[in-house]
């Protein structure tokens, strides 16, 4: 049989489940791909392990069907790389007689199964179908267990509180329409997850999703980064370049920390929302774009409008659809399910087998103020799991911010502590600074805050050293 050239990566769309076929021999790769595509699976193919990883970086699959012996990265190395990136992806190996021992070793490393060459396609189909059914059963069991406990998992967010459930329901409705959305909430509450969910549940899910954090770029660079520029527009502009808005054309752009936009850039963003067109820096001609804008902020934009630091017309353009994420301190019932969620997540990523947190740890979690919100929970759990020697997180594995709570003296002349939320937040920031030896970047990490947010809070509370 003559060898016919086939593309290194190809895709056939269906809906039974997604399979990635990794095989260096083009004819075998094509036959396996055609077989599963005809059965109703979504099939992608890659000529080697490196191409497979590049494809997975763009879009995950349910199952990988890979040859063991390949030039460059072989099937065992691919298995290890995939387990590090996404342990949920199942891997089935196709092996010759001489490499069966390698396949058996791969089972110990986490491969779901293996099939010998020459391929018996009826057995191959049974193996692949069985692996995917077992994967789905585990998922359904996990979801059922959560529902029995009143826990809902939604696009990476976990809750059992009514305000969040109502927000999820509104998010699903809002996602169907190309409406501009403003997502508000304190730092660390999960605004980017909400933006991603809005895109993934929308008709634009297969189009680009571009993120821009407005705090990470100097004000002088924001305009050219967002709108692009033409050659000669400024010193160093040696070629034409598209901005993020053009890169997201046909899809969604997420503007995080929109409250940090300089007023000059706010004017240009308003033009985009009103006219659906952009002008590159240095170019007099406008370019039409079809785009959905999702913006997020942890600041009070209405107050900023009153203070004339944010344009009122832009605020009302952004606030067509509004979603608010409540801080974690207002939904303490979510702390325990979030703890379990992040333990499971970090177990997969770190290769650990932590069973849970001790009752004393959960008690401290419930008493904690969580100024960094859900992001802080994720960071605290990850740190504790790295510190833990056994299978349970204990109090000694927690950061210093969870200890040295000042005791309240009782009796005549005793001074009661301040009970305001602001006082509690200031106290947590001071403890984090003390635990980090005064290093602000490290304190921000312990608190689950961005560096800019921490600096703003330091100014707010008058903490100068």
Protein backbone atom coordinates (compact mmCIF):
# COMPACT_ATOMS: atom_id res chain seq x y z
CA UNK A 1 0.00 0.00 0.00
CA UNK A 2 1.46 3.37 -0.97
CA UNK A 3 1.76 5.97 1.72
CA UNK A 4 -0.53 8.92 1.31
CA UNK A 5 0.47 12.22 2.96
CA UNK A 6 -1.88 13.33 5.71
CA UNK A 7 -1.82 16.54 7.76
CA UNK A 8 -0.05 16.42 11.14
CA UNK A 9 -3.19 17.68 12.81
CA UNK A 10 -6.74 17.30 11.59
CA UNK A 11 -10.20 17.38 13.16
CA UNK A 12 -13.63 15.88 12.56
CA UNK A 13 -16.47 17.23 14.64
CA UNK A 14 -19.05 15.03 16.37
CA UNK A 15 -20.56 14.76 19.82
CA UNK A 16 -20.00 11.30 21.39
CA UNK A 17 -16.71 12.28 22.96
CA UNK A 18 -13.39 13.65 21.74
CA UNK A 19 -10.40 11.47 20.89
CA UNK A 20 -6.86 12.49 19.96
CA UNK A 21 -5.01 9.90 17.82
CA UNK A 22 -1.22 10.19 18.18
CA UNK A 23 0.65 8.03 15.65
CA UNK A 24 3.76 8.73 13.57
CA UNK A 25 2.73 6.35 10.75
CA UNK A 26 0.36 8.39 8.49
CA UNK A 27 -1.63 5.44 7.12
CA UNK A 28 -2.32 3.91 10.54
CA UNK A 29 -3.21 7.35 11.93
CA UNK A 30 -5.64 7.96 9.08
CA UNK A 31 -7.32 4.54 9.43
CA UNK A 32 -7.85 4.93 13.20
CA UNK A 33 -9.12 8.49 12.74
CA UNK A 34 -11.60 7.48 10.04
CA UNK A 35 -12.79 4.48 12.09
CA UNK A 36 -13.73 6.54 15.17
CA UNK A 37 -15.07 9.46 13.13
CA UNK A 38 -17.45 7.04 11.40
CA UNK A 39 -18.59 5.80 14.83
CA UNK A 40 -19.63 9.34 15.83
CA UNK A 41 -16.64 10.55 17.86
CA UNK A 42 -14.94 13.93 17.51
CA UNK A 43 -11.47 12.93 16.34
CA UNK A 44 -8.27 14.95 16.21
CA UNK A 45 -4.90 13.61 15.13
CA UNK A 46 -1.26 14.44 15.72
CA UNK A 47 1.88 13.00 14.15
CA UNK A 48 3.94 12.98 17.37
CA UNK A 49 3.87 13.74 21.10
CA UNK A 50 5.00 17.35 20.73
CA UNK A 51 2.22 18.11 18.22
CA UNK A 52 -0.27 16.42 20.57
CA UNK A 53 0.76 18.66 23.48
CA UNK A 54 0.48 21.77 21.28
CA UNK A 55 -3.04 20.73 20.30
CA UNK A 56 -4.02 20.00 23.92
CA UNK A 57 -2.80 23.46 24.96
CA UNK A 58 -5.44 24.94 22.63
CA UNK A 59 -8.29 22.53 23.43
CA UNK A 60 -8.43 19.46 25.73
CA UNK A 61 -9.90 16.11 24.69
CA UNK A 62 -11.58 13.27 26.58
CA UNK A 63 -9.19 10.49 25.54
CA UNK A 64 -5.80 10.10 23.87
CA UNK A 65 -5.06 7.02 21.77
CA UNK A 66 -1.28 6.94 21.34
CA UNK A 67 1.37 4.66 19.91
CA UNK A 68 4.08 3.68 22.40
CA UNK A 69 7.10 3.80 20.11
CA UNK A 70 7.44 7.12 18.28
CA UNK A 71 10.44 9.27 17.34
CA UNK A 72 11.04 12.14 19.74
CA UNK A 73 8.52 12.04 22.58
CA UNK A 74 7.22 8.48 22.92
CA UNK A 75 3.88 7.36 24.35
CA UNK A 76 5.21 6.97 27.93
CA UNK A 77 6.67 10.49 27.94
CA UNK A 78 3.42 11.81 26.50
CA UNK A 79 1.52 10.05 29.29
CA UNK A 80 3.67 11.73 31.95
CA UNK A 81 3.26 15.16 30.33
CA UNK A 82 -0.51 14.76 30.02
CA UNK A 83 -0.89 13.59 33.64
CA UNK A 84 0.90 16.76 34.79
CA UNK A 85 -1.31 19.02 32.67
CA UNK A 86 -4.74 17.44 33.02
CA UNK A 87 -5.21 14.18 34.96
CA UNK A 88 -8.83 14.01 33.77
CA UNK A 89 -7.72 13.09 30.23
CA UNK A 90 -7.64 9.31 29.72
CA UNK A 91 -4.85 7.68 27.70
CA UNK A 92 -4.96 4.33 25.88
CA UNK A 93 -1.73 3.00 24.34
CA UNK A 94 -1.36 1.10 21.09
CA UNK A 95 1.67 -1.18 21.31
CA UNK A 96 3.55 -3.80 19.35
CA UNK A 97 4.35 -7.17 20.91
CA UNK A 98 7.90 -6.10 21.75
CA UNK A 99 6.72 -3.12 23.82
CA UNK A 100 3.91 -4.76 25.82
CA UNK A 101 6.11 -4.49 28.92
CA UNK A 102 6.25 -0.72 28.38
CA UNK A 103 2.46 -0.61 28.14
CA UNK A 104 2.05 -2.55 31.38
CA UNK A 105 4.42 -0.10 33.04
CA UNK A 106 2.32 2.74 31.63
CA UNK A 107 -0.77 1.31 33.32
CA UNK A 108 1.06 1.73 36.63
CA UNK A 109 1.78 5.35 35.68
CA UNK A 110 -1.91 6.07 35.06
CA UNK A 111 -2.73 4.90 31.52
CA UNK A 112 -6.31 3.65 31.24
CA UNK A 113 -5.56 0.58 29.06
CA UNK A 114 -3.57 -0.66 26.07
CA UNK A 115 -4.26 -2.46 22.78
CA UNK A 116 -1.75 -4.63 20.88
CA UNK A 117 -0.82 -4.43 17.21
CA UNK A 118 -2.04 -5.60 14.75
CA UNK A 119 -5.10 -3.71 15.89
CA UNK A 120 -8.34 -5.59 16.44
CA UNK A 121 -10.71 -2.67 15.83
CA UNK A 122 -13.63 -4.33 17.62
CA UNK A 123 -11.49 -4.66 20.77
CA UNK A 124 -10.16 -1.14 20.30
CA UNK A 125 -13.70 0.25 20.16
CA UNK A 126 -14.71 -1.70 23.29
CA UNK A 127 -11.66 -0.42 25.18
CA UNK A 128 -12.19 3.22 24.18
CA UNK A 129 -15.94 3.11 24.86
CA UNK A 130 -15.39 1.41 28.24
CA UNK A 131 -12.76 3.94 29.33
CA UNK A 132 -14.99 6.89 28.40
CA UNK A 133 -18.03 5.34 30.11
CA UNK A 134 -16.00 4.77 33.30
CA UNK A 135 -14.80 8.39 33.16
CA UNK A 136 -18.36 9.67 32.76
CA UNK A 137 -19.57 7.45 35.60
CA UNK A 138 -16.96 8.92 37.94
CA UNK A 139 -18.02 12.42 36.95
CA UNK A 140 -21.72 11.69 37.48
CA UNK A 141 -21.00 10.07 40.85
CA UNK A 142 -19.03 13.11 41.96
CA UNK A 143 -21.80 15.45 40.81
CA UNK A 144 -24.45 13.34 42.58
CA UNK A 145 -22.48 13.36 45.83
CA UNK A 146 -22.19 17.13 45.63
CA UNK A 147 -25.90 17.58 44.93
CA UNK A 148 -26.82 15.37 47.88
CA UNK A 149 -24.80 17.78 50.00
CA UNK A 150 -26.49 20.75 48.37
CA UNK A 151 -23.27 21.67 46.52
CA UNK A 152 -23.38 22.92 42.93
CA UNK A 153 -20.31 23.02 40.70
CA UNK A 154 -20.65 25.39 37.77
CA UNK A 155 -17.87 26.17 35.31
CA UNK A 156 -15.11 25.92 37.91
CA UNK A 157 -17.14 27.71 40.61
CA UNK A 158 -18.50 25.90 43.67
CA UNK A 159 -21.31 26.96 45.97
CA UNK A 160 -24.28 25.95 48.08
CA UNK A 161 -25.50 29.47 48.89
CA UNK A 162 -28.57 31.07 47.33
CA UNK A 163 -26.98 34.33 46.09
CA UNK A 164 -24.40 32.40 44.05
CA UNK A 165 -27.02 29.98 42.70
CA UNK A 166 -29.12 32.94 41.56
CA UNK A 167 -26.04 34.46 39.93
CA UNK A 168 -25.37 31.18 38.06
CA UNK A 169 -28.95 31.13 36.74
CA UNK A 170 -28.74 34.74 35.55
CA UNK A 171 -25.31 34.09 33.99
CA UNK A 172 -26.73 31.24 31.88
CA UNK A 173 -29.51 33.49 30.56
CA UNK A 174 -27.14 36.40 29.91
CA UNK A 175 -24.65 34.20 28.05
CA UNK A 176 -27.14 33.56 25.19
CA UNK A 177 -27.02 37.18 24.00
CA UNK A 178 -24.09 39.34 22.76
CA UNK A 179 -24.79 41.86 25.53
CA UNK A 180 -21.93 43.84 27.07
CA UNK A 181 -21.49 42.67 30.67
CA UNK A 182 -19.93 44.28 33.73
CA UNK A 183 -18.76 41.82 36.41
CA UNK A 184 -18.17 43.34 39.85
CA UNK A 185 -16.78 41.96 43.06
CA UNK A 186 -13.77 42.11 45.34
CA UNK A 187 -10.39 40.83 44.23
CA UNK A 188 -10.23 37.04 44.27
CA UNK A 189 -13.97 36.35 44.02
CA UNK A 190 -13.70 34.69 40.59
CA UNK A 191 -14.56 37.39 38.06
CA UNK A 192 -12.42 35.84 35.32
CA UNK A 193 -14.18 32.49 35.81
CA UNK A 194 -17.50 34.28 35.29
CA UNK A 195 -16.20 35.93 32.11
CA UNK A 196 -14.95 32.59 30.79
CA UNK A 197 -18.32 30.96 31.60
CA UNK A 198 -20.19 33.72 29.75
CA UNK A 199 -18.07 33.02 26.68
CA UNK A 200 -18.18 29.20 26.91
CA UNK A 201 -21.99 29.18 27.25
CA UNK A 202 -22.52 31.67 24.42
CA UNK A 203 -22.91 31.12 20.66
CA UNK A 204 -19.35 32.53 20.39
CA UNK A 205 -17.81 29.60 22.31
CA UNK A 206 -15.78 28.44 19.29
CA UNK A 207 -14.44 31.94 18.57
CA UNK A 208 -11.51 33.73 20.28
CA UNK A 209 -11.57 34.63 23.99
CA UNK A 210 -8.97 37.33 24.65
CA UNK A 211 -8.05 38.60 28.11
CA UNK A 212 -6.45 41.92 29.01
CA UNK A 213 -5.64 42.89 32.59
CA UNK A 214 -5.62 46.67 32.57
CA UNK A 215 -3.26 46.83 35.59
CA UNK A 216 -0.40 44.89 33.98
CA UNK A 217 0.44 47.46 31.29
CA UNK A 218 1.74 50.99 31.65
CA UNK A 219 -0.90 53.59 30.65
CA UNK A 220 1.31 54.63 27.71
CA UNK A 221 1.19 51.07 26.31
CA UNK A 222 -2.49 50.31 26.89
CA UNK A 223 -3.78 52.10 23.80
CA UNK A 224 -1.41 50.36 21.37
CA UNK A 225 -1.95 47.00 23.09
CA UNK A 226 -5.73 47.24 22.87
CA UNK A 227 -6.13 48.89 19.46
CA UNK A 228 -2.87 48.05 17.65
CA UNK A 229 -0.64 50.39 15.65
CA UNK A 230 0.79 50.99 12.20
CA UNK A 231 4.40 51.18 11.19
CA UNK A 232 5.98 54.50 12.11
CA UNK A 233 3.26 55.43 14.65
CA UNK A 234 5.93 55.88 17.33
CA UNK A 235 9.56 55.07 18.00
CA UNK A 236 10.08 51.34 17.72
CA UNK A 237 6.92 50.69 15.66
CA UNK A 238 8.75 48.99 12.78
CA UNK A 239 5.72 47.07 11.50
CA UNK A 240 1.92 47.05 11.59
CA UNK A 241 0.46 45.18 14.54
CA UNK A 242 -3.07 44.13 15.45
CA UNK A 243 -4.36 44.99 18.92
CA UNK A 244 -6.31 42.74 21.27
CA UNK A 245 -9.65 43.99 19.94
CA UNK A 246 -8.81 42.88 16.41
CA UNK A 247 -7.43 39.58 17.73
CA UNK A 248 -10.79 38.97 19.42
CA UNK A 249 -12.84 39.91 16.33
CA UNK A 250 -15.84 37.59 16.10
CA UNK A 251 -15.41 36.49 19.71
CA UNK A 252 -15.11 37.92 23.22
CA UNK A 253 -12.65 40.29 24.87
CA UNK A 254 -12.41 40.37 28.67
CA UNK A 255 -11.13 43.62 30.16
CA UNK A 256 -10.15 42.91 33.76
CA UNK A 257 -9.73 45.76 36.27
CA UNK A 258 -11.52 48.18 33.91
CA UNK A 259 -11.51 50.81 36.66
CA UNK A 260 -7.76 51.30 36.08
CA UNK A 261 -8.18 52.52 32.48
CA UNK A 262 -6.84 56.06 31.93
CA UNK A 263 -9.48 58.59 30.86
CA UNK A 264 -7.91 58.94 27.40
CA UNK A 265 -8.27 55.21 26.76
CA UNK A 266 -11.82 55.26 28.20
CA UNK A 267 -12.82 57.63 25.38
CA UNK A 268 -11.54 55.20 22.75
CA UNK A 269 -13.24 52.24 24.44
CA UNK A 270 -16.53 54.15 24.41
CA UNK A 271 -16.15 54.59 20.63
CA UNK A 272 -15.67 50.83 20.26
CA UNK A 273 -18.86 50.09 22.22
CA UNK A 274 -20.89 52.71 20.35
CA UNK A 275 -19.66 52.21 16.77
CA UNK A 276 -18.09 48.73 16.81
CA UNK A 277 -14.94 50.05 15.19
CA UNK A 278 -11.36 50.72 16.24
CA UNK A 279 -8.52 52.91 15.03
CA UNK A 280 -4.97 51.67 15.25
CA UNK A 281 -2.48 54.14 16.71
CA UNK A 282 -1.15 56.25 13.84
CA UNK A 283 -3.90 55.21 11.41
CA UNK A 284 -6.70 57.63 10.47
CA UNK A 285 -8.93 54.88 9.05
CA UNK A 286 -11.35 52.92 11.25
CA UNK A 287 -11.63 49.12 11.19
CA UNK A 288 -15.00 47.45 11.80
CA UNK A 289 -15.10 44.67 14.40
CA UNK A 290 -17.79 42.31 15.66
CA UNK A 291 -17.04 41.64 19.29
CA UNK A 292 -18.55 41.03 22.72
CA UNK A 293 -17.02 43.02 25.60
CA UNK A 294 -16.99 41.71 29.16
CA UNK A 295 -15.46 44.02 31.76
CA UNK A 296 -14.66 43.42 35.43
CA UNK A 297 -13.65 45.57 38.36
CA UNK A 298 -13.22 45.41 42.12
CA UNK A 299 -13.78 49.16 42.39
CA UNK A 300 -17.00 51.14 42.80
CA UNK A 301 -17.39 52.59 39.30
CA UNK A 302 -20.49 54.57 40.27
CA UNK A 303 -18.47 56.36 42.95
CA UNK A 304 -15.65 56.88 40.46
CA UNK A 305 -18.16 58.50 38.09
CA UNK A 306 -19.19 60.88 40.90
CA UNK A 307 -15.50 61.63 41.50
CA UNK A 308 -15.01 62.16 37.74
CA UNK A 309 -12.28 59.53 37.54
CA UNK A 310 -14.42 57.27 35.34
CA UNK A 311 -16.62 58.40 32.46
CA UNK A 312 -20.33 58.17 33.16
CA UNK A 313 -21.26 57.43 29.54
CA UNK A 314 -18.77 54.52 29.47
CA UNK A 315 -20.08 53.17 32.78
CA UNK A 316 -23.64 52.99 31.44
CA UNK A 317 -22.44 51.41 28.18
CA UNK A 318 -20.61 48.70 30.14
CA UNK A 319 -23.38 48.13 32.66
CA UNK A 320 -25.95 46.74 30.20
CA UNK A 321 -25.75 43.36 31.89
CA UNK A 322 -24.43 43.27 35.46
CA UNK A 323 -23.21 40.34 37.55
CA UNK A 324 -22.01 40.75 41.13
CA UNK A 325 -19.89 38.22 43.01
CA UNK A 326 -20.37 38.47 46.79
CA UNK A 327 -17.24 38.26 48.98
CA UNK A 328 -16.54 34.96 50.72
CA UNK A 329 -17.17 36.44 54.18
CA UNK A 330 -20.82 36.93 53.13
CA UNK A 331 -21.20 33.25 52.18
CA UNK A 332 -19.34 31.29 54.89
CA UNK A 333 -21.27 28.10 54.03
CA UNK A 334 -19.16 27.91 50.86
CA UNK A 335 -15.84 27.66 52.72
CA UNK A 336 -16.04 23.92 53.37
CA UNK A 337 -17.08 22.88 49.82
CA UNK A 338 -14.44 25.22 48.39
CA UNK A 339 -11.86 23.55 50.62
CA UNK A 340 -12.82 20.13 49.26
CA UNK A 341 -12.88 21.50 45.70
CA UNK A 342 -9.35 22.89 45.87
CA UNK A 343 -7.98 19.80 47.63
CA UNK A 344 -9.29 17.70 44.75
CA UNK A 345 -7.95 20.17 42.19
CA UNK A 346 -4.48 20.37 43.74
CA UNK A 347 -4.35 16.60 44.28
CA UNK A 348 -4.55 16.21 40.51
CA UNK A 349 -2.05 18.98 39.78
CA UNK A 350 0.49 18.16 42.51
CA UNK A 351 0.14 14.39 42.38
CA UNK A 352 -0.88 14.26 46.05
CA UNK A 353 -3.51 12.12 47.78
CA UNK A 354 -4.75 14.47 50.49
CA UNK A 355 -8.05 13.16 51.89
CA UNK A 356 -9.22 16.42 53.47
CA UNK A 357 -8.72 19.01 56.20
CA UNK A 358 -8.93 18.27 59.92
CA UNK A 359 -11.88 19.64 61.94
CA UNK A 360 -9.56 22.14 63.66
CA UNK A 361 -8.45 23.46 60.27
CA UNK A 362 -12.05 23.87 59.15
CA UNK A 363 -12.79 25.65 62.43
CA UNK A 364 -9.98 28.13 61.73
CA UNK A 365 -11.20 28.53 58.16
CA UNK A 366 -14.69 29.44 59.39
CA UNK A 367 -13.23 32.03 61.77
CA UNK A 368 -10.97 33.55 59.13
CA UNK A 369 -11.95 36.80 57.40
CA UNK A 370 -10.66 35.76 53.92
CA UNK A 371 -9.75 39.21 52.57
CA UNK A 372 -8.38 37.49 49.44
CA UNK A 373 -11.67 35.60 48.94
CA UNK A 374 -11.71 32.40 46.84
CA UNK A 375 -8.22 33.04 45.45
CA UNK A 376 -6.90 33.10 49.00
CA UNK A 377 -8.60 29.76 49.74
CA UNK A 378 -6.90 28.22 46.69
CA UNK A 379 -3.48 29.59 47.72
CA UNK A 380 -3.84 28.53 51.36
CA UNK A 381 -4.91 25.00 50.39
CA UNK A 382 -2.03 24.65 47.92
CA UNK A 383 0.52 25.81 50.49
CA UNK A 384 -0.92 23.48 53.15
CA UNK A 385 -0.84 20.50 50.78
CA UNK A 386 2.81 21.15 49.97
CA UNK A 387 3.60 21.32 53.71
CA UNK A 388 1.52 18.25 54.68
CA UNK A 389 3.42 15.00 55.22
CA UNK A 390 0.39 12.75 55.69
CA UNK A 391 -3.01 12.58 54.04
CA UNK A 392 -4.76 15.25 56.15
CA UNK A 393 -4.20 19.01 56.34
CA UNK A 394 -3.47 19.97 59.97
CA UNK A 395 -3.35 23.42 61.64
CA UNK A 396 0.47 23.45 61.56
CA UNK A 397 0.31 23.38 57.76
CA UNK A 398 -1.52 26.72 57.59
CA UNK A 399 0.13 30.13 57.03
CA UNK A 400 0.99 32.31 60.07
CA UNK A 401 -2.00 34.57 59.32
CA UNK A 402 -4.27 31.90 60.85
CA UNK A 403 -2.60 32.13 64.27
CA UNK A 404 -1.76 34.59 67.03
CA UNK A 405 -5.34 35.86 67.26
CA UNK A 406 -5.31 38.39 70.12
CA UNK A 407 -7.37 37.17 73.07
CA UNK A 408 -10.20 39.30 74.46
CA UNK A 409 -9.80 40.26 78.10
CA UNK A 410 -12.94 40.21 80.20
CA UNK A 411 -13.79 42.13 83.31
CA UNK A 412 -13.68 45.72 84.42
CA UNK A 413 -11.58 48.00 82.29
CA UNK A 414 -11.25 45.46 79.50
CA UNK A 415 -11.15 47.05 76.06
CA UNK A 416 -13.33 45.31 73.47
CA UNK A 417 -11.72 44.80 70.06
CA UNK A 418 -12.92 46.63 66.99
CA UNK A 419 -15.55 44.55 65.27
CA UNK A 420 -15.85 46.30 61.88
CA UNK A 421 -14.98 44.46 58.67
CA UNK A 422 -12.44 47.18 57.86
CA UNK A 423 -10.65 46.61 61.18
CA UNK A 424 -10.58 42.86 60.57
CA UNK A 425 -9.17 43.34 57.06
CA UNK A 426 -6.51 45.78 58.31
CA UNK A 427 -5.54 43.26 60.99
CA UNK A 428 -5.15 40.47 58.40
CA UNK A 429 -2.96 42.69 56.20
CA UNK A 430 -0.72 43.56 59.15
CA UNK A 431 -0.35 39.86 60.03
CA UNK A 432 0.53 38.99 56.44
CA UNK A 433 3.17 41.73 56.37
CA UNK A 434 4.58 40.45 59.66
CA UNK A 435 4.65 36.86 58.39
CA UNK A 436 6.42 37.93 55.18
CA UNK A 437 9.01 40.04 56.96
CA UNK A 438 7.58 43.22 55.47
CA UNK A 439 7.84 41.98 51.86
CA UNK A 440 4.74 43.34 50.18
CA UNK A 441 4.76 40.99 47.17
CA UNK A 442 4.92 37.97 49.47
CA UNK A 443 2.20 39.45 51.72
CA UNK A 444 -0.05 39.94 48.67
CA UNK A 445 0.48 36.29 47.73
CA UNK A 446 -0.40 35.10 51.25
CA UNK A 447 -3.56 37.19 51.19
CA UNK A 448 -4.52 36.12 47.67
CA UNK A 449 -4.47 39.75 46.47
CA UNK A 450 -2.86 41.38 43.47
CA UNK A 451 0.08 43.64 44.30
CA UNK A 452 -1.81 46.71 43.09
CA UNK A 453 -4.85 45.86 45.25
CA UNK A 454 -2.64 45.41 48.32
CA UNK A 455 -0.95 48.79 47.74
CA UNK A 456 -4.37 50.43 47.47
CA UNK A 457 -5.48 48.85 50.75
CA UNK A 458 -2.21 49.90 52.46
CA UNK A 459 -2.95 53.50 51.47
CA UNK A 460 -6.57 53.14 52.56
CA UNK A 461 -5.65 51.93 56.04
CA UNK A 462 -2.65 54.23 56.48
CA UNK A 463 -0.12 51.39 56.71
CA UNK A 464 3.16 52.98 55.71
CA UNK A 465 5.73 50.51 57.03
